């Protein structure tokens, strides 16, 4: 998703959401995906995902 936001936090434009996490960019941390063949993620990847979920997020002013 991409957005143009004014300095005061008002959203001017937001793109459609693309499926998946590909191309998130540098500095953007995303969880590991579950393997398509149904295997379970490795313990280190599951731990990373758990830590990722637990990290506090900064809310946008437009968020409900």
Protein backbone atom coordinates (compact mmCIF):
# COMPACT_ATOMS: atom_id res chain seq x y z
CA UNK A 1 0.00 0.00 0.00
CA UNK A 2 1.22 3.48 -0.76
CA UNK A 3 -0.10 6.78 0.53
CA UNK A 4 0.39 10.51 0.23
CA UNK A 5 -0.12 12.19 3.58
CA UNK A 6 0.02 15.90 4.43
CA UNK A 7 2.36 17.02 7.22
CA UNK A 8 -0.69 17.47 9.49
CA UNK A 9 -1.52 13.76 9.05
CA UNK A 10 -4.46 14.02 6.65
CA UNK A 11 -4.42 11.30 3.98
CA UNK A 12 -4.58 12.70 0.45
CA UNK A 13 -4.37 9.42 -1.50
CA UNK A 14 -4.06 5.72 -0.64
CA UNK A 15 -3.37 2.99 -3.19
CA UNK A 16 -5.07 -0.38 -3.32
CA UNK A 17 -3.56 -3.12 -1.17
CA UNK A 18 -1.48 -5.67 -3.04
CA UNK A 19 -1.56 -9.31 -1.89
CA UNK A 20 1.42 -10.65 0.05
CA UNK A 21 4.44 -8.93 1.52
CA UNK A 22 6.72 -8.81 -1.51
CA UNK A 23 8.44 -5.51 -2.16
CA UNK A 24 7.82 -4.07 1.28
CA UNK A 25 11.09 -2.13 1.04
CA UNK A 26 14.08 -1.48 3.26
CA UNK A 27 13.29 -0.77 6.88
CA UNK A 28 9.85 -2.38 6.69
CA UNK A 29 9.69 -5.54 8.78
CA UNK A 30 7.15 -8.14 7.74
CA UNK A 31 6.33 -11.58 9.16
CA UNK A 32 7.48 -14.77 7.48
CA UNK A 33 4.78 -16.45 5.40
CA UNK A 34 3.52 -19.94 6.10
CA UNK A 35 4.97 -22.36 3.49
CA UNK A 36 2.48 -23.09 0.69
CA UNK A 37 3.03 -26.83 1.04
CA UNK A 38 1.57 -26.82 4.57
CA UNK A 39 4.84 -27.38 6.44
CA UNK A 40 5.30 -25.51 9.72
CA UNK A 41 7.72 -22.58 9.82
CA UNK A 42 11.07 -23.17 11.50
CA UNK A 43 11.19 -22.24 15.20
CA UNK A 44 13.33 -19.15 14.56
CA UNK A 45 10.83 -17.88 11.98
CA UNK A 46 7.88 -18.55 14.32
CA UNK A 47 9.72 -16.72 17.11
CA UNK A 48 10.40 -13.74 14.80
CA UNK A 49 6.69 -13.64 13.86
CA UNK A 50 5.66 -13.74 17.54
CA UNK A 51 8.00 -10.86 18.35
CA UNK A 52 6.76 -8.97 15.30
CA UNK A 53 3.14 -9.31 16.50
CA UNK A 54 4.06 -8.19 20.02
CA UNK A 55 5.87 -5.01 18.94
CA UNK A 56 3.80 -1.88 19.66
CA UNK A 57 2.70 0.04 16.57
CA UNK A 58 2.36 3.77 16.16
CA UNK A 59 -1.22 4.60 15.26
CA UNK A 60 -2.13 6.89 12.39
CA UNK A 61 -4.27 9.92 13.26
CA UNK A 62 -6.88 8.65 10.77
CA UNK A 63 -7.03 5.19 12.39
CA UNK A 64 -10.23 4.26 14.23
